[in-house]
Amino acid sequence: MSKQSLGRRLTLAVLSLSAAGLLAACGGQDSAAPQEKGLAQQEIQSSQNPQADGYPFALENYGRQVEISGRPQRVLTLGPNCTELFAALGLQDNVIGRSLVNHSRGPLPQYQQAVESIPQLNYGSVTREAALSSGADFIYALDWEIGGGVDLEEAAQYGMTVYINAASTLEEQYQEIRDLGRIFGAEQAAEDFIADQNARIQAVRDKIGDRAPVKVLVYDSGSDGVFTCSGSNFESLLVGLAGGENLFADLSEKQWITVSYEEILVRQPDVILVHDYDSPSVEEKIAEIKANPTLAQLDCVKNQRFASITLESVLPGDRMAYAVEQMARDFYPDLWE
């Protein structure tokens, strides 16, 4: 046998022994730690499979199906009620911009720091340019903002998932809160918040008892009639929970309506609830009412039966209990003396 042939045989033998050693080592690891290997495989599969974290899933919102592929990271809250709800759920760090600040008298004290730390995307209604250039991947928007600055199809093309705030009942708003809890992994915070709202509203209802409802004219603004809320408006529900009765609850085709001064005189409200936001001020609106020759004939105007509520407090969001508590004090002041 030549030296060259002998060298080739020795090399093959060494390679065979090395391969056998490697196989034995691998076999030893498998038999010694099958559990560790299985856990490692599960971790790899979990990172590759979003289903393991509860995503993706779909939700019903605003008459359409919303697909949630993962936890959003950059959020726009378009409406002061939307922004404050994110703060109430502890999700403010996800919000990169907010709008409709002009419709706010400022956040509740417990949320002030969280809300004011969020940049203003637009002081008023969101603009198309601001929304599309924001880099957001999720939008929680009051329905007023849809169709103007936010087009649903265009937002989707820019990788933005849009969830619309448009509740008209407590159950619908609670579902919105639960949906947000699921989307952002804050389910327990959502349930705790809902339980607190229910308990506080029930406490007001218990205190009012069986007293007769107070007839309430909601006064947003006045020009060629009074711009007010209808029976399908979320505010009408809150007025009812506070022991009032919306003077125009029987009109429900649109959420916001304009009614004549003469019709208000016929219906005779017990109290006028004035919206407080931007301008004119509450004091200026009350002066307008008193100067109106028809409204000045109302007994509630003569008796100075005025109440006020910030507009954001009667929008669906986080202030359901707060609004009911505030209005009930104005409707039945003797109960809180």
C-alpha atoms as a PDB file:
ATOM      1  CA  MET A   1       0.000   0.000   0.000  1.00  0.00           C
ATOM      2  CA  SER A   2       1.362   3.420  -0.865  1.00  0.00           C
ATOM      3  CA  LYS A   3       1.855   6.178   1.696  1.00  0.00           C
ATOM      4  CA  GLN A   4      -0.743   8.264  -0.145  1.00  0.00           C
ATOM      5  CA  SER A   5      -3.422   5.492   0.126  1.00  0.00           C
ATOM      6  CA  LEU A   6      -2.598   4.945   3.791  1.00  0.00           C
ATOM      7  CA  GLY A   7      -2.991   8.687   4.436  1.00  0.00           C
ATOM      8  CA  ARG A   8      -6.406   8.765   2.789  1.00  0.00           C
ATOM      9  CA  ARG A   9      -7.596   5.780   4.929  1.00  0.00           C
ATOM     10  CA  LEU A  10      -6.380   7.393   8.142  1.00  0.00           C
ATOM     11  CA  THR A  11      -8.148  10.636   7.270  1.00  0.00           C
ATOM     12  CA  LEU A  12     -11.443   8.801   6.612  1.00  0.00           C
ATOM     13  CA  ALA A  13     -11.151   6.951   9.903  1.00  0.00           C
ATOM     14  CA  VAL A  14     -10.611  10.183  11.844  1.00  0.00           C
ATOM     15  CA  LEU A  15     -13.611  11.816  10.141  1.00  0.00           C
ATOM     16  CA  SER A  16     -15.801   8.788  10.930  1.00  0.00           C
ATOM     17  CA  LEU A  17     -14.782   8.854  14.591  1.00  0.00           C
ATOM     18  CA  SER A  18     -15.451  12.593  14.784  1.00  0.00           C
ATOM     19  CA  ALA A  19     -18.932  12.221  13.256  1.00  0.00           C
ATOM     20  CA  ALA A  20     -19.754   9.385  15.641  1.00  0.00           C
ATOM     21  CA  GLY A  21     -18.621  11.515  18.564  1.00  0.00           C
ATOM     22  CA  LEU A  22     -20.800  14.385  17.493  1.00  0.00           C
ATOM     23  CA  LEU A  23     -23.827  12.107  17.094  1.00  0.00           C
ATOM     24  CA  ALA A  24     -23.235  10.610  20.513  1.00  0.00           C
ATOM     25  CA  ALA A  25     -22.927  14.056  22.064  1.00  0.00           C
ATOM     26  CA  CYS A  26     -26.164  15.203  20.442  1.00  0.00           C
ATOM     27  CA  GLY A  27     -27.910  12.047  21.538  1.00  0.00           C
ATOM     28  CA  GLY A  28     -26.699  12.590  25.090  1.00  0.00           C
ATOM     29  CA  GLN A  29     -28.092  16.101  25.180  1.00  0.00           C
ATOM     30  CA  ASP A  30     -31.488  14.969  23.866  1.00  0.00           C
ATOM     31  CA  SER A  31     -31.849  12.244  26.475  1.00  0.00           C
ATOM     32  CA  ALA A  32     -30.538  14.385  29.336  1.00  0.00           C
ATOM     33  CA  ALA A  33     -32.672  17.514  28.766  1.00  0.00           C
ATOM     34  CA  PRO A  34     -35.766  16.845  26.623  1.00  0.00           C
ATOM     35  CA  GLN A  35     -37.823  19.321  28.690  1.00  0.00           C
ATOM     36  CA  GLU A  36     -35.374  22.184  28.139  1.00  0.00           C
ATOM     37  CA  LYS A  37     -35.324  21.461  24.423  1.00  0.00           C
ATOM     38  CA  GLY A  38     -39.120  21.439  24.270  1.00  0.00           C
ATOM     39  CA  LEU A  39     -39.344  24.790  26.080  1.00  0.00           C
ATOM     40  CA  ALA A  40     -36.801  26.298  23.732  1.00  0.00           C
ATOM     41  CA  GLN A  41     -38.804  25.110  20.738  1.00  0.00           C
ATOM     42  CA  GLN A  42     -41.992  26.578  22.245  1.00  0.00           C
ATOM     43  CA  GLU A  43     -40.292  29.954  22.747  1.00  0.00           C
ATOM     44  CA  ILE A  44     -39.121  29.977  19.136  1.00  0.00           C
ATOM     45  CA  GLN A  45     -42.590  29.033  17.897  1.00  0.00           C
ATOM     46  CA  SER A  46     -44.190  31.680  20.127  1.00  0.00           C
ATOM     47  CA  SER A  47     -41.966  34.411  18.722  1.00  0.00           C
ATOM     48  CA  GLN A  48     -42.776  33.294  15.185  1.00  0.00           C
ATOM     49  CA  ASN A  49     -46.507  32.802  15.752  1.00  0.00           C
ATOM     50  CA  PRO A  50     -48.494  35.917  16.762  1.00  0.00           C
ATOM     51  CA  GLN A  51     -51.467  33.723  17.719  1.00  0.00           C
ATOM     52  CA  ALA A  52     -49.577  32.827  20.927  1.00  0.00           C
ATOM     53  CA  ASP A  53     -50.031  36.448  22.129  1.00  0.00           C
ATOM     54  CA  GLY A  54     -53.699  36.646  21.183  1.00  0.00           C
ATOM     55  CA  TYR A  55     -53.143  38.289  17.805  1.00  0.00           C
ATOM     56  CA  PRO A  56     -54.463  38.562  15.190  1.00  0.00           C
ATOM     57  CA  PHE A  57     -58.180  38.991  15.879  1.00  0.00           C
ATOM     58  CA  ALA A  58     -61.118  40.963  14.524  1.00  0.00           C
ATOM     59  CA  LEU A  59     -63.617  43.345  16.158  1.00  0.00           C
ATOM     60  CA  GLU A  60     -66.907  44.866  15.072  1.00  0.00           C
ATOM     61  CA  ASN A  61     -66.839  48.675  15.078  1.00  0.00           C
ATOM     62  CA  TYR A  62     -68.898  51.317  13.323  1.00  0.00           C
ATOM     63  CA  GLY A  63     -70.673  48.763  11.163  1.00  0.00           C
ATOM     64  CA  ARG A  64     -67.461  47.206   9.902  1.00  0.00           C
ATOM     65  CA  GLN A  65     -64.897  44.598  10.867  1.00  0.00           C
ATOM     66  CA  VAL A  66     -61.585  45.863  12.232  1.00  0.00           C
ATOM     67  CA  GLU A  67     -58.569  43.560  11.948  1.00  0.00           C
ATOM     68  CA  ILE A  68     -56.013  43.777  14.754  1.00  0.00           C
ATOM     69  CA  SER A  69     -52.738  42.144  13.690  1.00  0.00           C
ATOM     70  CA  GLY A  70     -50.697  43.121  16.755  1.00  0.00           C
ATOM     71  CA  ARG A  71     -50.432  45.559  19.639  1.00  0.00           C
ATOM     72  CA  PRO A  72     -50.368  49.121  18.228  1.00  0.00           C
ATOM     73  CA  GLN A  73     -47.352  51.253  19.147  1.00  0.00           C
ATOM     74  CA  ARG A  74     -48.104  54.774  17.833  1.00  0.00           C
ATOM     75  CA  VAL A  75     -51.614  56.065  18.458  1.00  0.00           C
ATOM     76  CA  LEU A  76     -53.591  59.189  17.567  1.00  0.00           C
ATOM     77  CA  THR A  77     -56.492  60.061  19.886  1.00  0.00           C
ATOM     78  CA  LEU A  78     -58.786  62.388  17.961  1.00  0.00           C
ATOM     79  CA  GLY A  79     -61.064  63.985  20.532  1.00  0.00           C
ATOM     80  CA  PRO A  80     -60.474  65.054  24.156  1.00  0.00           C
ATOM     81  CA  ASN A  81     -62.720  62.228  25.367  1.00  0.00           C
ATOM     82  CA  CYS A  82     -60.626  59.706  23.413  1.00  0.00           C
ATOM     83  CA  THR A  83     -57.366  61.066  24.799  1.00  0.00           C
ATOM     84  CA  GLU A  84     -58.551  61.077  28.397  1.00  0.00           C
ATOM     85  CA  LEU A  85     -59.865  57.529  28.127  1.00  0.00           C
ATOM     86  CA  PHE A  86     -56.384  56.349  27.103  1.00  0.00           C
ATOM     87  CA  ALA A  87     -55.008  58.121  30.167  1.00  0.00           C
ATOM     88  CA  ALA A  88     -57.670  56.488  32.363  1.00  0.00           C
ATOM     89  CA  LEU A  89     -56.585  53.061  31.099  1.00  0.00           C
ATOM     90  CA  GLY A  90     -52.898  53.864  31.619  1.00  0.00           C
ATOM     91  CA  LEU A  91     -52.157  53.841  27.877  1.00  0.00           C
ATOM     92  CA  GLN A  92     -50.991  57.439  27.425  1.00  0.00           C
ATOM     93  CA  ASP A  93     -47.423  56.401  26.581  1.00  0.00           C
ATOM     94  CA  ASN A  94     -48.703  54.893  23.333  1.00  0.00           C
ATOM     95  CA  VAL A  95     -50.268  58.184  22.168  1.00  0.00           C
ATOM     96  CA  ILE A  96     -48.194  60.387  19.858  1.00  0.00           C
ATOM     97  CA  GLY A  97     -50.816  63.046  19.037  1.00  0.00           C
ATOM     98  CA  ARG A  98     -54.258  64.402  19.969  1.00  0.00           C
ATOM     99  CA  SER A  99     -56.835  66.718  18.400  1.00  0.00           C
ATOM    100  CA  LEU A 100     -59.976  68.779  19.186  1.00  0.00           C
ATOM    101  CA  VAL A 101     -58.260  70.445  22.127  1.00  0.00           C
ATOM    102  CA  ASN A 102     -60.469  73.458  21.396  1.00  0.00           C
ATOM    103  CA  HIS A 103     -63.454  71.388  22.558  1.00  0.00           C
ATOM    104  CA  SER A 104     -61.902  70.855  25.973  1.00  0.00           C
ATOM    105  CA  ARG A 105     -61.758  72.843  29.189  1.00  0.00           C
ATOM    106  CA  GLY A 106     -58.847  70.701  30.262  1.00  0.00           C
ATOM    107  CA  PRO A 107     -58.480  67.143  31.563  1.00  0.00           C
ATOM    108  CA  LEU A 108     -59.715  65.962  34.930  1.00  0.00           C
ATOM    109  CA  PRO A 109     -57.081  66.605  37.626  1.00  0.00           C
ATOM    110  CA  GLN A 110     -56.132  62.926  37.990  1.00  0.00           C
ATOM    111  CA  TYR A 111     -55.333  62.725  34.260  1.00  0.00           C
ATOM    112  CA  GLN A 112     -53.899  66.197  33.694  1.00  0.00           C
ATOM    113  CA  GLN A 113     -50.227  65.248  33.713  1.00  0.00           C
ATOM    114  CA  ALA A 114     -50.775  62.253  31.433  1.00  0.00           C
ATOM    115  CA  VAL A 115     -52.916  64.132  28.909  1.00  0.00           C
ATOM    116  CA  GLU A 116     -50.776  67.251  28.762  1.00  0.00           C
ATOM    117  CA  SER A 117     -47.666  65.149  28.110  1.00  0.00           C
ATOM    118  CA  ILE A 118     -49.176  64.139  24.744  1.00  0.00           C
ATOM    119  CA  PRO A 119     -48.331  66.488  21.827  1.00  0.00           C
ATOM    120  CA  GLN A 120     -51.146  68.350  20.086  1.00  0.00           C
ATOM    121  CA  LEU A 121     -51.485  67.051  16.550  1.00  0.00           C
ATOM    122  CA  ASN A 122     -54.097  69.747  15.825  1.00  0.00           C
ATOM    123  CA  TYR A 123     -55.710  72.234  18.199  1.00  0.00           C
ATOM    124  CA  GLY A 124     -59.017  71.856  16.374  1.00  0.00           C
ATOM    125  CA  SER A 125     -60.138  69.059  14.085  1.00  0.00           C
ATOM    126  CA  VAL A 126     -57.409  66.871  12.667  1.00  0.00           C
ATOM    127  CA  THR A 127     -56.183  67.707   9.183  1.00  0.00           C
ATOM    128  CA  ARG A 128     -55.565  65.075   6.534  1.00  0.00           C
ATOM    129  CA  GLU A 129     -51.925  66.112   6.210  1.00  0.00           C
ATOM    130  CA  ALA A 130     -51.266  65.899   9.958  1.00  0.00           C
ATOM    131  CA  ALA A 131     -52.882  62.478  10.285  1.00  0.00           C
ATOM    132  CA  LEU A 132     -51.158  60.884   7.293  1.00  0.00           C
ATOM    133  CA  SER A 133     -47.720  62.258   8.127  1.00  0.00           C
ATOM    134  CA  SER A 134     -47.893  61.373  11.836  1.00  0.00           C
ATOM    135  CA  GLY A 135     -46.408  57.882  11.535  1.00  0.00           C
ATOM    136  CA  ALA A 136     -49.294  56.451  13.567  1.00  0.00           C
ATOM    137  CA  ASP A 137     -50.329  52.826  13.228  1.00  0.00           C
ATOM    138  CA  PHE A 138     -53.626  53.186  15.138  1.00  0.00           C
ATOM    139  CA  ILE A 139     -56.285  55.906  15.435  1.00  0.00           C
ATOM    140  CA  TYR A 140     -59.004  56.162  18.083  1.00  0.00           C
ATOM    141  CA  ALA A 141     -61.282  58.877  16.734  1.00  0.00           C
ATOM    142  CA  LEU A 142     -64.490  60.584  17.757  1.00  0.00           C
ATOM    143  CA  ASP A 143     -66.874  60.068  14.853  1.00  0.00           C
ATOM    144  CA  TRP A 144     -66.834  63.829  14.145  1.00  0.00           C
ATOM    145  CA  GLU A 145     -63.295  63.383  12.815  1.00  0.00           C
ATOM    146  CA  ILE A 146     -64.216  60.726  10.256  1.00  0.00           C
ATOM    147  CA  GLY A 147     -64.753  61.867   6.685  1.00  0.00           C
ATOM    148  CA  GLY A 148     -62.875  65.120   7.224  1.00  0.00           C
ATOM    149  CA  GLY A 149     -59.298  64.693   8.328  1.00  0.00           C
ATOM    150  CA  VAL A 150     -59.568  60.902   8.439  1.00  0.00           C
ATOM    151  CA  ASP A 151     -60.646  58.843   5.436  1.00  0.00           C
ATOM    152  CA  LEU A 152     -60.952  55.174   6.409  1.00  0.00           C
ATOM    153  CA  GLU A 153     -59.702  53.734   3.121  1.00  0.00           C
ATOM    154  CA  GLU A 154     -56.807  56.173   2.869  1.00  0.00           C
ATOM    155  CA  ALA A 155     -55.786  55.562   6.475  1.00  0.00           C
ATOM    156  CA  ALA A 156     -55.650  51.824   5.757  1.00  0.00           C
ATOM    157  CA  GLN A 157     -53.358  52.462   2.781  1.00  0.00           C
ATOM    158  CA  TYR A 158     -50.978  54.245   5.160  1.00  0.00           C
ATOM    159  CA  GLY A 159     -50.956  51.293   7.549  1.00  0.00           C
ATOM    160  CA  MET A 160     -53.300  52.868  10.097  1.00  0.00           C
ATOM    161  CA  THR A 161     -56.020  50.899  11.864  1.00  0.00           C
ATOM    162  CA  VAL A 162     -58.967  53.147  12.768  1.00  0.00           C
ATOM    163  CA  TYR A 163     -61.316  52.474  15.692  1.00  0.00           C
ATOM    164  CA  ILE A 164     -64.216  54.937  15.856  1.00  0.00           C
ATOM    165  CA  ASN A 165     -65.717  56.313  19.068  1.00  0.00           C
ATOM    166  CA  ALA A 166     -69.461  56.533  18.407  1.00  0.00           C
ATOM    167  CA  ALA A 167     -71.310  54.934  21.334  1.00  0.00           C
ATOM    168  CA  SER A 168     -74.917  55.916  22.015  1.00  0.00           C
ATOM    169  CA  THR A 169     -75.478  53.663  25.057  1.00  0.00           C
ATOM    170  CA  LEU A 170     -73.473  52.743  28.147  1.00  0.00           C
ATOM    171  CA  GLU A 171     -73.215  49.172  26.893  1.00  0.00           C
ATOM    172  CA  GLU A 172     -71.733  50.345  23.595  1.00  0.00           C
ATOM    173  CA  GLN A 173     -69.178  52.553  25.349  1.00  0.00           C
ATOM    174  CA  TYR A 174     -68.263  49.785  27.763  1.00  0.00           C
ATOM    175  CA  GLN A 175     -67.712  47.525  24.753  1.00  0.00           C
ATOM    176  CA  GLU A 176     -65.404  50.149  23.244  1.00  0.00           C
ATOM    177  CA  ILE A 177     -63.436  50.183  26.500  1.00  0.00           C
ATOM    178  CA  ARG A 178     -63.229  46.390  26.535  1.00  0.00           C
ATOM    179  CA  ASP A 179     -62.119  46.402  22.895  1.00  0.00           C
ATOM    180  CA  LEU A 180     -59.348  48.879  23.672  1.00  0.00           C
ATOM    181  CA  GLY A 181     -58.339  46.741  26.644  1.00  0.00           C
ATOM    182  CA  ARG A 182     -58.035  43.718  24.387  1.00  0.00           C
ATOM    183  CA  ILE A 183     -56.214  45.583  21.624  1.00  0.00           C
ATOM    184  CA  PHE A 184     -53.604  46.982  24.014  1.00  0.00           C
ATOM    185  CA  GLY A 185     -53.371  44.105  26.495  1.00  0.00           C
ATOM    186  CA  ALA A 186     -55.078  46.108  29.252  1.00  0.00           C
ATOM    187  CA  GLU A 187     -58.118  43.913  29.857  1.00  0.00           C
ATOM    188  CA  GLN A 188     -58.033  44.141  33.657  1.00  0.00           C
ATOM    189  CA  ALA A 189     -57.658  47.925  33.631  1.00  0.00           C
ATOM    190  CA  ALA A 190     -60.693  48.101  31.332  1.00  0.00           C
ATOM    191  CA  GLU A 191     -62.838  45.896  33.593  1.00  0.00           C
ATOM    192  CA  ASP A 192     -61.783  47.803  36.730  1.00  0.00           C
ATOM    193  CA  PHE A 193     -62.661  51.101  35.073  1.00  0.00           C
ATOM    194  CA  ILE A 194     -66.091  49.869  33.974  1.00  0.00           C
ATOM    195  CA  ALA A 195     -66.852  48.541  37.464  1.00  0.00           C
ATOM    196  CA  ASP A 196     -65.976  51.929  38.980  1.00  0.00           C
ATOM    197  CA  GLN A 197     -68.226  53.756  36.501  1.00  0.00           C
ATOM    198  CA  ASN A 198     -71.155  51.443  37.208  1.00  0.00           C
ATOM    199  CA  ALA A 199     -70.811  51.775  40.975  1.00  0.00           C
ATOM    200  CA  ARG A 200     -70.704  55.579  40.895  1.00  0.00           C
ATOM    201  CA  ILE A 201     -73.658  55.882  38.513  1.00  0.00           C
ATOM    202  CA  GLN A 202     -75.702  53.501  40.655  1.00  0.00           C
ATOM    203  CA  ALA A 203     -74.898  55.562  43.755  1.00  0.00           C
ATOM    204  CA  VAL A 204     -76.417  58.620  42.063  1.00  0.00           C
ATOM    205  CA  ARG A 205     -79.464  56.660  40.962  1.00  0.00           C
ATOM    206  CA  ASP A 206     -79.987  55.403  44.514  1.00  0.00           C
ATOM    207  CA  LYS A 207     -79.758  58.913  45.930  1.00  0.00           C
ATOM    208  CA  ILE A 208     -82.298  60.344  43.467  1.00  0.00           C
ATOM    209  CA  GLY A 209     -84.678  57.486  44.167  1.00  0.00           C
ATOM    210  CA  ASP A 210     -88.189  57.923  42.745  1.00  0.00           C
ATOM    211  CA  ARG A 211     -88.115  61.682  42.300  1.00  0.00           C
ATOM    212  CA  ALA A 212     -89.857  63.020  39.193  1.00  0.00           C
ATOM    213  CA  PRO A 213     -87.501  63.711  36.265  1.00  0.00           C
ATOM    214  CA  VAL A 214     -86.362  67.283  35.661  1.00  0.00           C
ATOM    215  CA  LYS A 215     -87.091  68.557  32.130  1.00  0.00           C
ATOM    216  CA  VAL A 216     -83.750  69.657  30.667  1.00  0.00           C
ATOM    217  CA  LEU A 217     -83.022  71.853  27.647  1.00  0.00           C
ATOM    218  CA  VAL A 218     -79.475  71.202  26.456  1.00  0.00           C
ATOM    219  CA  TYR A 219     -78.144  74.476  25.061  1.00  0.00           C
ATOM    220  CA  ASP A 220     -75.084  74.120  22.873  1.00  0.00           C
ATOM    221  CA  SER A 221     -75.525  77.337  20.915  1.00  0.00           C
ATOM    222  CA  GLY A 222     -78.240  79.612  19.605  1.00  0.00           C
ATOM    223  CA  SER A 223     -78.783  81.115  16.174  1.00  0.00           C
ATOM    224  CA  ASP A 224     -82.108  80.914  14.353  1.00  0.00           C
ATOM    225  CA  GLY A 225     -83.097  78.430  17.063  1.00  0.00           C
ATOM    226  CA  VAL A 226     -81.243  76.375  19.645  1.00  0.00           C
ATOM    227  CA  PHE A 227     -78.670  73.766  18.635  1.00  0.00           C
ATOM    228  CA  THR A 228     -79.287  70.872  21.023  1.00  0.00           C
ATOM    229  CA  CYS A 229     -78.973  67.125  21.431  1.00  0.00           C
ATOM    230  CA  SER A 230     -81.633  64.634  20.373  1.00  0.00           C
ATOM    231  CA  GLY A 231     -82.797  61.417  22.006  1.00  0.00           C
ATOM    232  CA  SER A 232     -80.207  59.349  20.123  1.00  0.00           C
ATOM    233  CA  ASN A 233     -77.325  61.427  21.468  1.00  0.00           C
ATOM    234  CA  PHE A 234     -75.113  59.928  24.197  1.00  0.00           C
ATOM    235  CA  GLU A 235     -75.677  63.067  26.259  1.00  0.00           C
ATOM    236  CA  SER A 236     -79.412  62.394  26.360  1.00  0.00           C
ATOM    237  CA  LEU A 237     -78.654  59.063  28.057  1.00  0.00           C
ATOM    238  CA  LEU A 238     -76.428  60.760  30.659  1.00  0.00           C
ATOM    239  CA  VAL A 239     -79.074  63.398  31.346  1.00  0.00           C
ATOM    240  CA  GLY A 240     -81.546  60.574  32.048  1.00  0.00           C
ATOM    241  CA  LEU A 241     -79.150  58.760  34.392  1.00  0.00           C
ATOM    242  CA  ALA A 242     -78.711  62.025  36.312  1.00  0.00           C
ATOM    243  CA  GLY A 243     -82.456  62.269  36.915  1.00  0.00           C
ATOM    244  CA  GLY A 244     -83.274  64.535  34.020  1.00  0.00           C
ATOM    245  CA  GLU A 245     -85.326  64.170  30.883  1.00  0.00           C
ATOM    246  CA  ASN A 246     -84.018  65.614  27.632  1.00  0.00           C
ATOM    247  CA  LEU A 247     -86.640  68.103  26.446  1.00  0.00           C
ATOM    248  CA  PHE A 248     -86.242  66.756  22.892  1.00  0.00           C
ATOM    249  CA  ALA A 249     -85.702  63.079  23.604  1.00  0.00           C
ATOM    250  CA  ASP A 250     -88.549  62.270  21.208  1.00  0.00           C
ATOM    251  CA  LEU A 251     -86.502  63.544  18.268  1.00  0.00           C
ATOM    252  CA  SER A 252     -83.850  60.984  17.366  1.00  0.00           C
ATOM    253  CA  GLU A 253     -83.240  60.960  13.608  1.00  0.00           C
ATOM    254  CA  LYS A 254     -79.993  62.925  14.086  1.00  0.00           C
ATOM    255  CA  GLN A 255     -77.781  63.227  17.172  1.00  0.00           C
ATOM    256  CA  TRP A 256     -77.663  67.019  16.955  1.00  0.00           C
ATOM    257  CA  ILE A 257     -80.665  69.131  15.957  1.00  0.00           C
ATOM    258  CA  THR A 258     -81.807  72.747  15.799  1.00  0.00           C
ATOM    259  CA  VAL A 259     -85.172  73.492  17.429  1.00  0.00           C
ATOM    260  CA  SER A 260     -87.212  76.680  17.335  1.00  0.00           C
ATOM    261  CA  TYR A 261     -87.471  79.081  20.249  1.00  0.00           C
ATOM    262  CA  GLU A 262     -91.235  78.795  20.059  1.00  0.00           C
ATOM    263  CA  GLU A 263     -91.157  74.995  20.466  1.00  0.00           C
ATOM    264  CA  ILE A 264     -88.977  75.380  23.548  1.00  0.00           C
ATOM    265  CA  LEU A 265     -91.506  77.819  25.008  1.00  0.00           C
ATOM    266  CA  VAL A 266     -94.272  75.272  24.435  1.00  0.00           C
ATOM    267  CA  ARG A 267     -92.337  72.464  26.131  1.00  0.00           C
ATOM    268  CA  GLN A 268     -91.239  74.573  29.154  1.00  0.00           C
ATOM    269  CA  PRO A 269     -87.961  73.154  30.478  1.00  0.00           C
ATOM    270  CA  ASP A 270     -87.228  73.143  34.227  1.00  0.00           C
ATOM    271  CA  VAL A 271     -83.521  73.827  33.747  1.00  0.00           C
ATOM    272  CA  ILE A 272     -81.203  74.846  30.893  1.00  0.00           C
ATOM    273  CA  LEU A 273     -77.955  72.889  30.667  1.00  0.00           C
ATOM    274  CA  VAL A 274     -75.331  75.000  28.882  1.00  0.00           C
ATOM    275  CA  HIS A 275     -72.328  73.453  27.127  1.00  0.00           C
ATOM    276  CA  ASP A 276     -68.972  74.839  28.197  1.00  0.00           C
ATOM    277  CA  TYR A 277     -66.204  74.777  25.551  1.00  0.00           C
ATOM    278  CA  ASP A 278     -64.035  77.126  23.526  1.00  0.00           C
ATOM    279  CA  SER A 279     -66.114  80.255  22.898  1.00  0.00           C
ATOM    280  CA  PRO A 280     -68.506  81.899  23.544  1.00  0.00           C
ATOM    281  CA  SER A 281     -68.258  81.337  27.289  1.00  0.00           C
ATOM    282  CA  VAL A 282     -71.041  79.961  29.463  1.00  0.00           C
ATOM    283  CA  GLU A 283     -71.678  83.455  30.803  1.00  0.00           C
ATOM    284  CA  GLU A 284     -72.005  84.826  27.265  1.00  0.00           C
ATOM    285  CA  LYS A 285     -74.416  82.037  26.308  1.00  0.00           C
ATOM    286  CA  ILE A 286     -76.595  82.702  29.349  1.00  0.00           C
ATOM    287  CA  ALA A 287     -76.638  86.383  28.445  1.00  0.00           C
ATOM    288  CA  GLU A 288     -77.806  85.408  24.925  1.00  0.00           C
ATOM    289  CA  ILE A 289     -80.632  83.330  26.399  1.00  0.00           C
ATOM    290  CA  LYS A 290     -81.789  86.141  28.671  1.00  0.00           C
ATOM    291  CA  ALA A 291     -81.690  88.618  25.792  1.00  0.00           C
ATOM    292  CA  ASN A 292     -83.805  86.409  23.539  1.00  0.00           C
ATOM    293  CA  PRO A 293     -87.418  87.714  23.726  1.00  0.00           C
ATOM    294  CA  THR A 294     -88.909  84.218  23.473  1.00  0.00           C
ATOM    295  CA  LEU A 295     -86.562  82.327  25.789  1.00  0.00           C
ATOM    296  CA  ALA A 296     -86.756  85.152  28.325  1.00  0.00           C
ATOM    297  CA  GLN A 297     -90.395  84.136  28.903  1.00  0.00           C
ATOM    298  CA  LEU A 298     -89.401  80.733  30.274  1.00  0.00           C
ATOM    299  CA  ASP A 299     -89.914  80.267  34.010  1.00  0.00           C
ATOM    300  CA  CYS A 300     -86.499  78.608  34.331  1.00  0.00           C
ATOM    301  CA  VAL A 301     -84.866  81.712  32.832  1.00  0.00           C
ATOM    302  CA  LYS A 302     -86.768  84.019  35.153  1.00  0.00           C
ATOM    303  CA  ASN A 303     -85.746  81.818  38.106  1.00  0.00           C
ATOM    304  CA  GLN A 304     -82.108  81.565  37.014  1.00  0.00           C
ATOM    305  CA  ARG A 305     -82.275  77.767  36.638  1.00  0.00           C
ATOM    306  CA  PHE A 306     -79.069  77.340  34.668  1.00  0.00           C
ATOM    307  CA  ALA A 307     -76.501  74.570  34.842  1.00  0.00           C
ATOM    308  CA  SER A 308     -73.336  73.987  32.830  1.00  0.00           C
ATOM    309  CA  ILE A 309     -71.282  70.989  31.765  1.00  0.00           C
ATOM    310  CA  THR A 310     -68.071  70.803  29.749  1.00  0.00           C
ATOM    311  CA  LEU A 311     -68.773  69.401  26.301  1.00  0.00           C
ATOM    312  CA  GLU A 312     -66.139  66.681  26.580  1.00  0.00           C
ATOM    313  CA  SER A 313     -67.891  65.397  29.722  1.00  0.00           C
ATOM    314  CA  VAL A 314     -71.020  64.405  27.785  1.00  0.00           C
ATOM    315  CA  LEU A 315     -69.178  62.693  24.922  1.00  0.00           C
ATOM    316  CA  PRO A 316     -68.761  58.906  25.109  1.00  0.00           C
ATOM    317  CA  GLY A 317     -65.436  58.209  26.766  1.00  0.00           C
ATOM    318  CA  ASP A 318     -64.257  58.094  30.359  1.00  0.00           C
ATOM    319  CA  ARG A 319     -66.520  60.659  32.035  1.00  0.00           C
ATOM    320  CA  MET A 320     -69.865  58.860  32.233  1.00  0.00           C
ATOM    321  CA  ALA A 321     -69.980  58.747  36.035  1.00  0.00           C
ATOM    322  CA  TYR A 322     -68.420  62.183  36.370  1.00  0.00           C
ATOM    323  CA  ALA A 323     -71.072  63.760  34.107  1.00  0.00           C
ATOM    324  CA  VAL A 324     -73.942  62.006  35.887  1.00  0.00           C
ATOM    325  CA  GLU A 325     -72.632  63.154  39.279  1.00  0.00           C
ATOM    326  CA  GLN A 326     -72.185  66.765  38.141  1.00  0.00           C
ATOM    327  CA  MET A 327     -75.577  67.055  36.441  1.00  0.00           C
ATOM    328  CA  ALA A 328     -77.472  65.370  39.288  1.00  0.00           C
ATOM    329  CA  ARG A 329     -76.102  67.985  41.711  1.00  0.00           C
ATOM    330  CA  ASP A 330     -77.496  70.731  39.457  1.00  0.00           C
ATOM    331  CA  PHE A 331     -80.824  69.010  38.836  1.00  0.00           C
ATOM    332  CA  TYR A 332     -81.445  68.204  42.535  1.00  0.00           C
ATOM    333  CA  PRO A 333     -79.317  70.652  44.555  1.00  0.00           C
ATOM    334  CA  ASP A 334     -81.276  69.937  47.762  1.00  0.00           C
ATOM    335  CA  LEU A 335     -80.029  66.329  47.775  1.00  0.00           C
ATOM    336  CA  TRP A 336     -76.428  67.509  48.034  1.00  0.00           C
ATOM    337  CA  GLU A 337     -76.865  70.362  50.515  1.00  0.00           C
END
